[in-house]
Amino acid sequence: MYFVDNQGQLDPSVNIALETFLLKEKILDEPILLFYINEPSIIIGRNQNTIEEINADYVEANKIHIVRRMSGGGAVYHDLGNFSFCFITKDDGDSFRDFGKFTKPVISFLHSVGVKEAELKGRNDLVIGEKKFSGNAMYATNGRMTAHGTILFDSDLDAVTSALKPRKEKIESKGIKSIRSRVTNIKPFVDEAYQNLTTEQFRDLMLLSIFDVETREEVKEYHLTDEDWKRVYEIREEYFGNWDWNYGKSPKFEIQKHHRFPIGSIEVRLNVEEGHIQQLKIFGDFFGLGEIKDVEDAFIGVKYAKEDILAKLKELDIKKYFGNVTAEELLEELY
């Protein structure tokens, strides 16, 4: 097996592009192990509706990255106290969905540093008792597969809860929904000798354990070339670094919201497909001039993104149609 060093990259869109490159294009003669740590981010499953999974206000306020990965499964929160492991190998026809095969070396390492209760439970979660510290997923293509998971070592668990708690408006879609579990960091469970390690140091210990060596120099490694990195960034631009992939690939969905303003109640119902508004209906007991259908029609085809919706609202004579309400206030109803 080869280890690939991501050279300290913290951008999740680059790291997931690197994993995709190693899976689809960099065919080595042995399996590959990749680790990465991401800046605060939410990694969305391939078949999920992004809007359903995130707390959009919290995400925006805290500048959290949103990246849709290639594999299925649920949304997970990453930060600098969390690291991911990826085993990339040939799909032999027997290993896909065999999470035990790929998590076994991880669990073995955790037992060796004192986390004796760590175990695979259910289909794809690593837990301590009833608390989850690692979610795992797989993706296969063209005879190759990746099995990847996260390790909550010293993450901000309040941020995990806040970032993955969507607002309560009614959303209906066919996207795969995450199952929320109680989560825990593993740092409190490791032996005293490892309590003061950073996330990077703990990850490096796991690397040595998986390769069964004493020093970093003994780890068998494939060194990425400049051409490799060039291709990684091309993949990032095509997929993980753009809105169309991270948001626009969400399944078709409907949103229904209602709010009472001083000028009266406003209810909106939105149909969104391929990331763009396909239909908007506005109801309420507000007093306005003109046809509200003009407003509804103006939003057809607009990207379902906060800045695009606000720009469209500012093009319209909001007070004419609704009374004394601002574009920013109406934005809360439309996004």
C-alpha atoms as a PDB file:
ATOM      1  CA  MET A   1       0.000   0.000   0.000  1.00  0.00           C
ATOM      2  CA  TYR A   2       1.117   3.557  -0.755  1.00  0.00           C
ATOM      3  CA  PHE A   3       0.515   6.611   1.407  1.00  0.00           C
ATOM      4  CA  VAL A   4      -0.228   9.904  -0.363  1.00  0.00           C
ATOM      5  CA  ASP A   5       0.587  13.080   1.557  1.00  0.00           C
ATOM      6  CA  ASN A   6      -1.819  15.923   0.755  1.00  0.00           C
ATOM      7  CA  GLN A   7       0.863  18.446   1.775  1.00  0.00           C
ATOM      8  CA  GLY A   8      -1.196  20.092   4.499  1.00  0.00           C
ATOM      9  CA  GLN A   9      -4.070  21.122   2.249  1.00  0.00           C
ATOM     10  CA  LEU A  10      -7.088  22.212   4.347  1.00  0.00           C
ATOM     11  CA  ASP A  11      -9.548  23.207   1.611  1.00  0.00           C
ATOM     12  CA  PRO A  12     -12.220  20.455   1.477  1.00  0.00           C
ATOM     13  CA  SER A  13     -12.927  21.034  -2.206  1.00  0.00           C
ATOM     14  CA  VAL A  14      -9.253  20.367  -2.987  1.00  0.00           C
ATOM     15  CA  ASN A  15      -8.996  17.364  -0.680  1.00  0.00           C
ATOM     16  CA  ILE A  16     -12.058  15.678  -2.132  1.00  0.00           C
ATOM     17  CA  ALA A  17     -10.815  16.463  -5.635  1.00  0.00           C
ATOM     18  CA  LEU A  18      -7.527  14.792  -4.685  1.00  0.00           C
ATOM     19  CA  GLU A  19      -9.350  11.700  -3.458  1.00  0.00           C
ATOM     20  CA  THR A  20     -11.356  11.612  -6.696  1.00  0.00           C
ATOM     21  CA  PHE A  21      -8.179  11.942  -8.760  1.00  0.00           C
ATOM     22  CA  LEU A  22      -6.519   9.062  -6.898  1.00  0.00           C
ATOM     23  CA  LEU A  23      -9.628   6.934  -7.341  1.00  0.00           C
ATOM     24  CA  LYS A  24     -10.344   7.597 -10.994  1.00  0.00           C
ATOM     25  CA  GLU A  25      -7.053   8.532 -12.625  1.00  0.00           C
ATOM     26  CA  LYS A  26      -3.953   7.644 -10.586  1.00  0.00           C
ATOM     27  CA  ILE A  27      -3.813   3.852 -10.904  1.00  0.00           C
ATOM     28  CA  LEU A  28      -0.937   2.477  -8.830  1.00  0.00           C
ATOM     29  CA  ASP A  29       0.123  -1.153  -8.441  1.00  0.00           C
ATOM     30  CA  GLU A  30      -1.041  -1.261  -4.817  1.00  0.00           C
ATOM     31  CA  PRO A  31      -3.885   0.290  -2.759  1.00  0.00           C
ATOM     32  CA  ILE A  32      -3.593   3.906  -1.595  1.00  0.00           C
ATOM     33  CA  LEU A  33      -4.118   5.486   1.815  1.00  0.00           C
ATOM     34  CA  LEU A  34      -4.966   9.186   1.983  1.00  0.00           C
ATOM     35  CA  PHE A  35      -5.525  11.335   5.075  1.00  0.00           C
ATOM     36  CA  TYR A  36      -6.855  14.881   5.110  1.00  0.00           C
ATOM     37  CA  ILE A  37      -7.988  17.508   7.591  1.00  0.00           C
ATOM     38  CA  ASN A  38     -10.493  20.124   6.440  1.00  0.00           C
ATOM     39  CA  GLU A  39     -11.302  23.635   7.500  1.00  0.00           C
ATOM     40  CA  PRO A  40     -14.831  23.914   8.974  1.00  0.00           C
ATOM     41  CA  SER A  41     -17.067  22.357   6.352  1.00  0.00           C
ATOM     42  CA  ILE A  42     -20.134  20.225   5.742  1.00  0.00           C
ATOM     43  CA  ILE A  43     -19.588  17.324   3.384  1.00  0.00           C
ATOM     44  CA  ILE A  44     -22.870  16.391   1.714  1.00  0.00           C
ATOM     45  CA  GLY A  45     -23.699  12.882   0.491  1.00  0.00           C
ATOM     46  CA  ARG A  46     -24.032  12.359  -3.261  1.00  0.00           C
ATOM     47  CA  ASN A  47     -27.829  11.941  -3.204  1.00  0.00           C
ATOM     48  CA  GLN A  48     -28.763  14.521  -0.595  1.00  0.00           C
ATOM     49  CA  ASN A  49     -30.576  17.838  -0.797  1.00  0.00           C
ATOM     50  CA  THR A  50     -28.026  20.344   0.493  1.00  0.00           C
ATOM     51  CA  ILE A  51     -30.635  22.823   1.725  1.00  0.00           C
ATOM     52  CA  GLU A  52     -32.323  20.129   3.814  1.00  0.00           C
ATOM     53  CA  GLU A  53     -29.111  19.191   5.591  1.00  0.00           C
ATOM     54  CA  ILE A  54     -27.601  22.499   6.675  1.00  0.00           C
ATOM     55  CA  ASN A  55     -28.371  25.441   8.905  1.00  0.00           C
ATOM     56  CA  ALA A  56     -27.869  28.011   6.166  1.00  0.00           C
ATOM     57  CA  ASP A  57     -27.733  31.012   8.521  1.00  0.00           C
ATOM     58  CA  TYR A  58     -25.100  29.385  10.740  1.00  0.00           C
ATOM     59  CA  VAL A  59     -23.108  28.202   7.723  1.00  0.00           C
ATOM     60  CA  GLU A  60     -23.017  31.686   6.227  1.00  0.00           C
ATOM     61  CA  ALA A  61     -22.210  33.451   9.494  1.00  0.00           C
ATOM     62  CA  ASN A  62     -19.323  31.082  10.238  1.00  0.00           C
ATOM     63  CA  LYS A  63     -18.022  30.833   6.652  1.00  0.00           C
ATOM     64  CA  ILE A  64     -18.357  27.050   6.574  1.00  0.00           C
ATOM     65  CA  HIS A  65     -17.517  25.307   3.297  1.00  0.00           C
ATOM     66  CA  ILE A  66     -20.198  23.173   1.649  1.00  0.00           C
ATOM     67  CA  VAL A  67     -18.934  20.354  -0.580  1.00  0.00           C
ATOM     68  CA  ARG A  68     -20.860  17.471  -2.114  1.00  0.00           C
ATOM     69  CA  ARG A  69     -18.812  14.270  -2.276  1.00  0.00           C
ATOM     70  CA  MET A  70     -19.043  11.439  -4.797  1.00  0.00           C
ATOM     71  CA  SER A  71     -20.172   8.786  -2.305  1.00  0.00           C
ATOM     72  CA  GLY A  72     -23.625   8.300  -0.812  1.00  0.00           C
ATOM     73  CA  GLY A  73     -24.576   8.409   2.851  1.00  0.00           C
ATOM     74  CA  GLY A  74     -25.317  11.343   5.112  1.00  0.00           C
ATOM     75  CA  ALA A  75     -23.917  14.801   5.721  1.00  0.00           C
ATOM     76  CA  VAL A  76     -20.947  15.144   8.088  1.00  0.00           C
ATOM     77  CA  TYR A  77     -19.272  18.114   9.730  1.00  0.00           C
ATOM     78  CA  HIS A  78     -15.498  18.566   9.460  1.00  0.00           C
ATOM     79  CA  ASP A  79     -13.172  20.945  11.254  1.00  0.00           C
ATOM     80  CA  LEU A  80      -9.540  21.069  12.340  1.00  0.00           C
ATOM     81  CA  GLY A  81     -10.249  18.628  15.178  1.00  0.00           C
ATOM     82  CA  ASN A  82     -11.474  15.995  12.753  1.00  0.00           C
ATOM     83  CA  PHE A  83      -9.521  13.971  10.181  1.00  0.00           C
ATOM     84  CA  SER A  84     -10.563  11.723   7.330  1.00  0.00           C
ATOM     85  CA  PHE A  85      -9.030   8.470   6.146  1.00  0.00           C
ATOM     86  CA  CYS A  86      -9.502   7.068   2.638  1.00  0.00           C
ATOM     87  CA  PHE A  87      -8.577   3.596   1.430  1.00  0.00           C
ATOM     88  CA  ILE A  88      -8.507   3.524  -2.379  1.00  0.00           C
ATOM     89  CA  THR A  89      -8.194   0.181  -4.094  1.00  0.00           C
ATOM     90  CA  LYS A  90      -9.340  -2.121  -6.843  1.00  0.00           C
ATOM     91  CA  ASP A  91     -12.961  -3.201  -6.568  1.00  0.00           C
ATOM     92  CA  ASP A  92     -12.579  -6.960  -6.223  1.00  0.00           C
ATOM     93  CA  GLY A  93     -16.318  -7.615  -6.241  1.00  0.00           C
ATOM     94  CA  ASP A  94     -16.427  -8.614  -2.563  1.00  0.00           C
ATOM     95  CA  SER A  95     -15.264  -5.540  -0.666  1.00  0.00           C
ATOM     96  CA  PHE A  96     -17.916  -2.946  -1.535  1.00  0.00           C
ATOM     97  CA  ARG A  97     -20.189  -2.438   1.510  1.00  0.00           C
ATOM     98  CA  ASP A  98     -17.752  -4.444   3.665  1.00  0.00           C
ATOM     99  CA  PHE A  99     -17.064  -1.616   6.110  1.00  0.00           C
ATOM    100  CA  GLY A 100     -15.524  -4.038   8.579  1.00  0.00           C
ATOM    101  CA  LYS A 101     -12.629  -4.755   6.224  1.00  0.00           C
ATOM    102  CA  PHE A 102     -11.579  -1.119   5.968  1.00  0.00           C
ATOM    103  CA  THR A 103     -12.322   0.003   9.520  1.00  0.00           C
ATOM    104  CA  LYS A 104     -10.521  -2.941  11.147  1.00  0.00           C
ATOM    105  CA  PRO A 105      -7.031  -1.310  11.069  1.00  0.00           C
ATOM    106  CA  VAL A 106      -8.541   1.920  12.412  1.00  0.00           C
ATOM    107  CA  ILE A 107     -10.234   0.138  15.311  1.00  0.00           C
ATOM    108  CA  SER A 108      -7.068  -1.866  16.002  1.00  0.00           C
ATOM    109  CA  PHE A 109      -5.096   1.363  16.331  1.00  0.00           C
ATOM    110  CA  LEU A 110      -7.700   2.949  18.588  1.00  0.00           C
ATOM    111  CA  HIS A 111      -7.629  -0.050  20.902  1.00  0.00           C
ATOM    112  CA  SER A 112      -3.845   0.259  21.112  1.00  0.00           C
ATOM    113  CA  VAL A 113      -4.057   3.863  22.355  1.00  0.00           C
ATOM    114  CA  GLY A 114      -6.690   3.175  24.981  1.00  0.00           C
ATOM    115  CA  VAL A 115     -10.029   3.511  23.187  1.00  0.00           C
ATOM    116  CA  LYS A 116     -10.964  -0.042  24.126  1.00  0.00           C
ATOM    117  CA  GLU A 117     -14.700   0.302  23.505  1.00  0.00           C
ATOM    118  CA  ALA A 118     -14.346   1.521  19.914  1.00  0.00           C
ATOM    119  CA  GLU A 119     -16.288  -0.757  17.555  1.00  0.00           C
ATOM    120  CA  LEU A 120     -18.127  -0.898  14.244  1.00  0.00           C
ATOM    121  CA  LYS A 121     -21.848  -0.806  14.909  1.00  0.00           C
ATOM    122  CA  GLY A 122     -24.677  -1.115  12.454  1.00  0.00           C
ATOM    123  CA  ARG A 123     -23.805  -0.721   8.813  1.00  0.00           C
ATOM    124  CA  ASN A 124     -21.092   1.931   8.788  1.00  0.00           C
ATOM    125  CA  ASP A 125     -20.598   3.772  12.086  1.00  0.00           C
ATOM    126  CA  LEU A 126     -17.730   3.576  14.561  1.00  0.00           C
ATOM    127  CA  VAL A 127     -18.959   4.135  18.095  1.00  0.00           C
ATOM    128  CA  ILE A 128     -18.051   4.197  21.746  1.00  0.00           C
ATOM    129  CA  GLY A 129     -21.071   2.849  23.564  1.00  0.00           C
ATOM    130  CA  GLU A 130     -24.037   4.637  22.007  1.00  0.00           C
ATOM    131  CA  LYS A 131     -22.046   7.630  20.756  1.00  0.00           C
ATOM    132  CA  LYS A 132     -20.725   7.891  17.215  1.00  0.00           C
ATOM    133  CA  PHE A 133     -17.246   9.229  16.445  1.00  0.00           C
ATOM    134  CA  SER A 134     -16.869   8.092  12.833  1.00  0.00           C
ATOM    135  CA  GLY A 135     -19.193   7.871   9.851  1.00  0.00           C
ATOM    136  CA  ASN A 136     -18.081   5.834   6.834  1.00  0.00           C
ATOM    137  CA  ALA A 137     -19.082   5.693   3.181  1.00  0.00           C
ATOM    138  CA  MET A 138     -17.984   4.045  -0.070  1.00  0.00           C
ATOM    139  CA  TYR A 139     -17.967   4.864  -3.745  1.00  0.00           C
ATOM    140  CA  ALA A 140     -17.088   2.596  -6.673  1.00  0.00           C
ATOM    141  CA  THR A 141     -16.477   3.400 -10.337  1.00  0.00           C
ATOM    142  CA  ASN A 142     -14.810   1.641 -13.271  1.00  0.00           C
ATOM    143  CA  GLY A 143     -13.453  -1.231 -11.221  1.00  0.00           C
ATOM    144  CA  ARG A 144     -12.039   0.997  -8.461  1.00  0.00           C
ATOM    145  CA  MET A 145     -13.423   1.960  -5.071  1.00  0.00           C
ATOM    146  CA  THR A 146     -12.802   4.244  -2.122  1.00  0.00           C
ATOM    147  CA  ALA A 147     -13.791   3.494   1.461  1.00  0.00           C
ATOM    148  CA  HIS A 148     -13.551   6.621   3.554  1.00  0.00           C
ATOM    149  CA  GLY A 149     -14.460   7.749   7.037  1.00  0.00           C
ATOM    150  CA  THR A 150     -14.032  10.505   9.576  1.00  0.00           C
ATOM    151  CA  ILE A 151     -12.508  10.521  13.047  1.00  0.00           C
ATOM    152  CA  LEU A 152     -13.843  13.037  15.577  1.00  0.00           C
ATOM    153  CA  PHE A 153     -10.719  13.542  17.662  1.00  0.00           C
ATOM    154  CA  ASP A 154     -11.122  17.020  19.139  1.00  0.00           C
ATOM    155  CA  SER A 155     -13.898  18.675  17.128  1.00  0.00           C
ATOM    156  CA  ASP A 156     -16.183  21.497  18.212  1.00  0.00           C
ATOM    157  CA  LEU A 157     -19.255  19.385  18.992  1.00  0.00           C
ATOM    158  CA  ASP A 158     -21.455  22.462  19.439  1.00  0.00           C
ATOM    159  CA  ALA A 159     -20.626  23.431  15.849  1.00  0.00           C
ATOM    160  CA  VAL A 160     -21.448  19.901  14.692  1.00  0.00           C
ATOM    161  CA  THR A 161     -24.931  20.273  16.169  1.00  0.00           C
ATOM    162  CA  SER A 162     -25.477  23.860  14.997  1.00  0.00           C
ATOM    163  CA  ALA A 163     -24.210  23.477  11.430  1.00  0.00           C
ATOM    164  CA  LEU A 164     -26.221  20.332  10.733  1.00  0.00           C
ATOM    165  CA  LYS A 165     -29.506  21.611  12.154  1.00  0.00           C
ATOM    166  CA  PRO A 166     -31.626  23.020   9.306  1.00  0.00           C
ATOM    167  CA  ARG A 167     -34.232  25.674   9.901  1.00  0.00           C
ATOM    168  CA  LYS A 168     -37.759  24.450  10.513  1.00  0.00           C
ATOM    169  CA  GLU A 169     -39.470  25.481   7.287  1.00  0.00           C
ATOM    170  CA  LYS A 170     -41.339  22.709   5.532  1.00  0.00           C
ATOM    171  CA  ILE A 171     -39.099  21.100   2.911  1.00  0.00           C
ATOM    172  CA  GLU A 172     -40.147  18.160   0.785  1.00  0.00           C
ATOM    173  CA  SER A 173     -37.750  16.307  -1.477  1.00  0.00           C
ATOM    174  CA  LYS A 174     -36.620  12.842  -2.464  1.00  0.00           C
ATOM    175  CA  GLY A 175     -33.079  13.452  -1.256  1.00  0.00           C
ATOM    176  CA  ILE A 176     -31.536  10.970   1.157  1.00  0.00           C
ATOM    177  CA  LYS A 177     -31.830  12.415   4.667  1.00  0.00           C
ATOM    178  CA  SER A 178     -29.151  12.131   7.340  1.00  0.00           C
ATOM    179  CA  ILE A 179     -29.918  10.210  10.497  1.00  0.00           C
ATOM    180  CA  ARG A 180     -28.737  12.319  13.428  1.00  0.00           C
ATOM    181  CA  SER A 181     -26.797  10.448  16.089  1.00  0.00           C
ATOM    182  CA  ARG A 182     -25.277  11.450  19.387  1.00  0.00           C
ATOM    183  CA  VAL A 183     -21.618  12.088  18.703  1.00  0.00           C
ATOM    184  CA  THR A 184     -18.434  12.170  20.740  1.00  0.00           C
ATOM    185  CA  ASN A 185     -14.786  13.011  20.369  1.00  0.00           C
ATOM    186  CA  ILE A 186     -12.352  10.206  21.091  1.00  0.00           C
ATOM    187  CA  LYS A 187      -9.708  12.389  22.764  1.00  0.00           C
ATOM    188  CA  PRO A 188     -11.256  11.959  26.247  1.00  0.00           C
ATOM    189  CA  PHE A 189     -10.989   8.176  25.868  1.00  0.00           C
ATOM    190  CA  VAL A 190      -7.332   7.814  24.817  1.00  0.00           C
ATOM    191  CA  ASP A 191      -4.643   6.876  27.337  1.00  0.00           C
ATOM    192  CA  GLU A 192      -3.055   9.704  29.309  1.00  0.00           C
ATOM    193  CA  ALA A 193       0.125   9.510  27.221  1.00  0.00           C
ATOM    194  CA  TYR A 194      -1.847  10.694  24.147  1.00  0.00           C
ATOM    195  CA  GLN A 195      -4.071  13.325  25.778  1.00  0.00           C
ATOM    196  CA  ASN A 196      -1.922  16.282  24.705  1.00  0.00           C
ATOM    197  CA  LEU A 197      -1.537  15.271  21.064  1.00  0.00           C
ATOM    198  CA  THR A 198      -2.816  17.517  18.302  1.00  0.00           C
ATOM    199  CA  THR A 199      -5.137  16.150  15.642  1.00  0.00           C
ATOM    200  CA  GLU A 200      -2.174  15.975  13.229  1.00  0.00           C
ATOM    201  CA  GLN A 201      -0.007  14.083  15.715  1.00  0.00           C
ATOM    202  CA  PHE A 202      -2.749  11.583  16.457  1.00  0.00           C
ATOM    203  CA  ARG A 203      -3.359  11.071  12.725  1.00  0.00           C
ATOM    204  CA  ASP A 204       0.365  10.453  12.199  1.00  0.00           C
ATOM    205  CA  LEU A 205       0.353   7.803  14.923  1.00  0.00           C
ATOM    206  CA  MET A 206      -2.470   6.056  13.096  1.00  0.00           C
ATOM    207  CA  LEU A 207      -0.451   6.196   9.883  1.00  0.00           C
ATOM    208  CA  LEU A 208       2.467   4.367  11.522  1.00  0.00           C
ATOM    209  CA  SER A 209       0.090   1.809  12.996  1.00  0.00           C
ATOM    210  CA  ILE A 210      -1.597   1.037   9.679  1.00  0.00           C
ATOM    211  CA  PHE A 211       1.759   0.584   7.948  1.00  0.00           C
ATOM    212  CA  ASP A 212       3.151  -1.289  10.980  1.00  0.00           C
ATOM    213  CA  VAL A 213       6.351   0.782  11.064  1.00  0.00           C
ATOM    214  CA  GLU A 214       8.202   2.800  13.693  1.00  0.00           C
ATOM    215  CA  THR A 215       9.075   5.967  11.751  1.00  0.00           C
ATOM    216  CA  ARG A 216       7.540   8.175   9.064  1.00  0.00           C
ATOM    217  CA  GLU A 217      10.508   7.470   6.763  1.00  0.00           C
ATOM    218  CA  GLU A 218       9.544   3.795   6.637  1.00  0.00           C
ATOM    219  CA  VAL A 219       6.094   4.501   5.219  1.00  0.00           C
ATOM    220  CA  LYS A 220       5.820   3.567   1.559  1.00  0.00           C
ATOM    221  CA  GLU A 221       4.739   6.689  -0.289  1.00  0.00           C
ATOM    222  CA  TYR A 222       3.653   7.953  -3.678  1.00  0.00           C
ATOM    223  CA  HIS A 223       4.736  11.588  -4.118  1.00  0.00           C
ATOM    224  CA  LEU A 224       2.308  13.775  -6.061  1.00  0.00           C
ATOM    225  CA  THR A 225       3.832  15.551  -9.066  1.00  0.00           C
ATOM    226  CA  ASP A 226       3.098  19.043 -10.352  1.00  0.00           C
ATOM    227  CA  GLU A 227       1.062  17.429 -13.141  1.00  0.00           C
ATOM    228  CA  ASP A 228      -0.930  15.485 -10.562  1.00  0.00           C
ATOM    229  CA  TRP A 229      -1.779  18.663  -8.674  1.00  0.00           C
ATOM    230  CA  LYS A 230      -2.722  20.440 -11.883  1.00  0.00           C
ATOM    231  CA  ARG A 231      -5.248  17.711 -12.622  1.00  0.00           C
ATOM    232  CA  VAL A 232      -6.550  17.813  -9.026  1.00  0.00           C
ATOM    233  CA  TYR A 233      -7.352  21.510  -9.398  1.00  0.00           C
ATOM    234  CA  GLU A 234      -9.061  20.880 -12.721  1.00  0.00           C
ATOM    235  CA  ILE A 235     -11.313  18.317 -11.026  1.00  0.00           C
ATOM    236  CA  ARG A 236     -11.971  20.785  -8.228  1.00  0.00           C
ATOM    237  CA  GLU A 237     -13.119  23.428 -10.699  1.00  0.00           C
ATOM    238  CA  GLU A 238     -15.353  20.960 -12.525  1.00  0.00           C
ATOM    239  CA  TYR A 239     -17.025  19.580  -9.413  1.00  0.00           C
ATOM    240  CA  PHE A 240     -16.264  20.342  -5.785  1.00  0.00           C
ATOM    241  CA  GLY A 241     -15.378  24.006  -6.068  1.00  0.00           C
ATOM    242  CA  ASN A 242     -18.533  25.175  -7.823  1.00  0.00           C
ATOM    243  CA  TRP A 243     -22.085  25.921  -6.744  1.00  0.00           C
ATOM    244  CA  ASP A 244     -23.725  23.841  -9.477  1.00  0.00           C
ATOM    245  CA  TRP A 245     -22.257  20.631  -8.055  1.00  0.00           C
ATOM    246  CA  ASN A 246     -22.532  21.419  -4.340  1.00  0.00           C
ATOM    247  CA  TYR A 247     -26.040  22.892  -4.415  1.00  0.00           C
ATOM    248  CA  GLY A 248     -27.445  22.548  -7.922  1.00  0.00           C
ATOM    249  CA  LYS A 249     -27.167  18.759  -7.959  1.00  0.00           C
ATOM    250  CA  SER A 250     -29.700  18.508  -5.138  1.00  0.00           C
ATOM    251  CA  PRO A 251     -32.821  16.501  -5.978  1.00  0.00           C
ATOM    252  CA  LYS A 252     -35.939  18.462  -6.900  1.00  0.00           C
ATOM    253  CA  PHE A 253     -37.539  19.921  -3.783  1.00  0.00           C
ATOM    254  CA  GLU A 254     -40.326  22.146  -2.507  1.00  0.00           C
ATOM    255  CA  ILE A 255     -40.190  24.712   0.289  1.00  0.00           C
ATOM    256  CA  GLN A 256     -43.140  26.194   2.143  1.00  0.00           C
ATOM    257  CA  LYS A 257     -42.646  29.135   4.551  1.00  0.00           C
ATOM    258  CA  HIS A 258     -44.944  31.483   6.406  1.00  0.00           C
ATOM    259  CA  HIS A 259     -44.268  34.680   8.356  1.00  0.00           C
ATOM    260  CA  ARG A 260     -46.392  37.489   9.776  1.00  0.00           C
ATOM    261  CA  PHE A 261     -44.994  40.958   9.119  1.00  0.00           C
ATOM    262  CA  PRO A 262     -46.448  44.268  10.351  1.00  0.00           C
ATOM    263  CA  ILE A 263     -47.903  44.673   6.839  1.00  0.00           C
ATOM    264  CA  GLY A 264     -49.659  41.278   7.044  1.00  0.00           C
ATOM    265  CA  SER A 265     -48.883  37.597   6.626  1.00  0.00           C
ATOM    266  CA  ILE A 266     -46.891  36.258   3.676  1.00  0.00           C
ATOM    267  CA  GLU A 267     -46.670  32.612   2.693  1.00  0.00           C
ATOM    268  CA  VAL A 268     -44.418  31.393  -0.092  1.00  0.00           C
ATOM    269  CA  ARG A 269     -44.190  28.031  -1.826  1.00  0.00           C
ATOM    270  CA  LEU A 270     -41.157  27.312  -3.983  1.00  0.00           C
ATOM    271  CA  ASN A 271     -40.355  24.511  -6.394  1.00  0.00           C
ATOM    272  CA  VAL A 272     -36.630  24.132  -7.049  1.00  0.00           C
ATOM    273  CA  GLU A 273     -35.058  21.856  -9.643  1.00  0.00           C
ATOM    274  CA  GLU A 274     -31.385  21.609 -10.636  1.00  0.00           C
ATOM    275  CA  GLY A 275     -30.710  24.427  -8.198  1.00  0.00           C
ATOM    276  CA  HIS A 276     -33.031  26.960  -9.868  1.00  0.00           C
ATOM    277  CA  ILE A 277     -36.509  28.182  -8.995  1.00  0.00           C
ATOM    278  CA  GLN A 278     -39.065  26.618 -11.328  1.00  0.00           C
ATOM    279  CA  GLN A 279     -42.214  27.881  -9.658  1.00  0.00           C
ATOM    280  CA  LEU A 280     -43.083  30.441  -6.978  1.00  0.00           C
ATOM    281  CA  LYS A 281     -46.464  31.087  -5.407  1.00  0.00           C
ATOM    282  CA  ILE A 282     -47.075  33.903  -2.926  1.00  0.00           C
ATOM    283  CA  PHE A 283     -50.116  34.097  -0.643  1.00  0.00           C
ATOM    284  CA  GLY A 284     -51.076  36.441   2.199  1.00  0.00           C
ATOM    285  CA  ASP A 285     -53.328  39.153   3.569  1.00  0.00           C
ATOM    286  CA  PHE A 286     -50.978  42.057   2.831  1.00  0.00           C
ATOM    287  CA  PHE A 287     -52.185  45.047   0.812  1.00  0.00           C
ATOM    288  CA  GLY A 288     -50.255  45.726  -2.385  1.00  0.00           C
ATOM    289  CA  LEU A 289     -50.572  47.323  -5.762  1.00  0.00           C
ATOM    290  CA  GLY A 290     -50.027  45.542  -9.068  1.00  0.00           C
ATOM    291  CA  GLU A 291     -50.258  41.831  -9.824  1.00  0.00           C
ATOM    292  CA  ILE A 292     -48.369  39.544  -7.468  1.00  0.00           C
ATOM    293  CA  LYS A 293     -47.974  37.202 -10.436  1.00  0.00           C
ATOM    294  CA  ASP A 294     -45.422  39.687 -11.807  1.00  0.00           C
ATOM    295  CA  VAL A 295     -43.259  38.974  -8.769  1.00  0.00           C
ATOM    296  CA  GLU A 296     -43.792  35.219  -9.047  1.00  0.00           C
ATOM    297  CA  ASP A 297     -42.868  35.193 -12.728  1.00  0.00           C
ATOM    298  CA  ALA A 298     -39.744  37.296 -12.127  1.00  0.00           C
ATOM    299  CA  PHE A 299     -38.199  34.497 -10.068  1.00  0.00           C
ATOM    300  CA  ILE A 300     -38.597  31.694 -12.592  1.00  0.00           C
ATOM    301  CA  GLY A 301     -35.114  30.447 -13.470  1.00  0.00           C
ATOM    302  CA  VAL A 302     -33.321  32.343 -10.689  1.00  0.00           C
ATOM    303  CA  LYS A 303     -30.562  30.368  -8.963  1.00  0.00           C
ATOM    304  CA  TYR A 304     -31.622  29.254  -5.499  1.00  0.00           C
ATOM    305  CA  ALA A 305     -28.772  31.093  -3.795  1.00  0.00           C
ATOM    306  CA  LYS A 306     -29.082  33.923  -1.285  1.00  0.00           C
ATOM    307  CA  GLU A 307     -27.178  36.518  -3.303  1.00  0.00           C
ATOM    308  CA  ASP A 308     -29.150  35.798  -6.502  1.00  0.00           C
ATOM    309  CA  ILE A 309     -32.509  35.956  -4.760  1.00  0.00           C
ATOM    310  CA  LEU A 310     -31.599  39.221  -3.012  1.00  0.00           C
ATOM    311  CA  ALA A 311     -30.406  40.733  -6.291  1.00  0.00           C
ATOM    312  CA  LYS A 312     -33.737  39.877  -7.927  1.00  0.00           C
ATOM    313  CA  LEU A 313     -35.712  41.334  -5.010  1.00  0.00           C
ATOM    314  CA  LYS A 314     -33.779  44.590  -5.318  1.00  0.00           C
ATOM    315  CA  GLU A 315     -34.700  44.799  -8.994  1.00  0.00           C
ATOM    316  CA  LEU A 316     -38.379  44.838  -8.043  1.00  0.00           C
ATOM    317  CA  ASP A 317     -40.491  47.606  -6.510  1.00  0.00           C
ATOM    318  CA  ILE A 318     -41.059  45.685  -3.272  1.00  0.00           C
ATOM    319  CA  LYS A 319     -43.119  48.381  -1.542  1.00  0.00           C
ATOM    320  CA  LYS A 320     -45.488  48.550  -4.502  1.00  0.00           C
ATOM    321  CA  TYR A 321     -46.349  44.867  -4.310  1.00  0.00           C
ATOM    322  CA  PHE A 322     -46.177  44.243  -0.554  1.00  0.00           C
ATOM    323  CA  GLY A 323     -46.192  47.526   1.361  1.00  0.00           C
ATOM    324  CA  ASN A 324     -43.600  48.635   3.925  1.00  0.00           C
ATOM    325  CA  VAL A 325     -41.261  45.634   3.881  1.00  0.00           C
ATOM    326  CA  THR A 326     -37.639  45.460   2.729  1.00  0.00           C
ATOM    327  CA  ALA A 327     -35.920  43.167   0.253  1.00  0.00           C
ATOM    328  CA  GLU A 328     -33.790  41.813   3.122  1.00  0.00           C
ATOM    329  CA  GLU A 329     -36.895  40.917   5.150  1.00  0.00           C
ATOM    330  CA  LEU A 330     -38.503  39.149   2.188  1.00  0.00           C
ATOM    331  CA  LEU A 331     -35.245  37.288   1.552  1.00  0.00           C
ATOM    332  CA  GLU A 332     -35.859  35.398   4.809  1.00  0.00           C
ATOM    333  CA  GLU A 333     -39.080  34.083   3.298  1.00  0.00           C
ATOM    334  CA  LEU A 334     -37.560  33.056   0.010  1.00  0.00           C
ATOM    335  CA  TYR A 335     -34.343  31.467   1.283  1.00  0.00           C
END
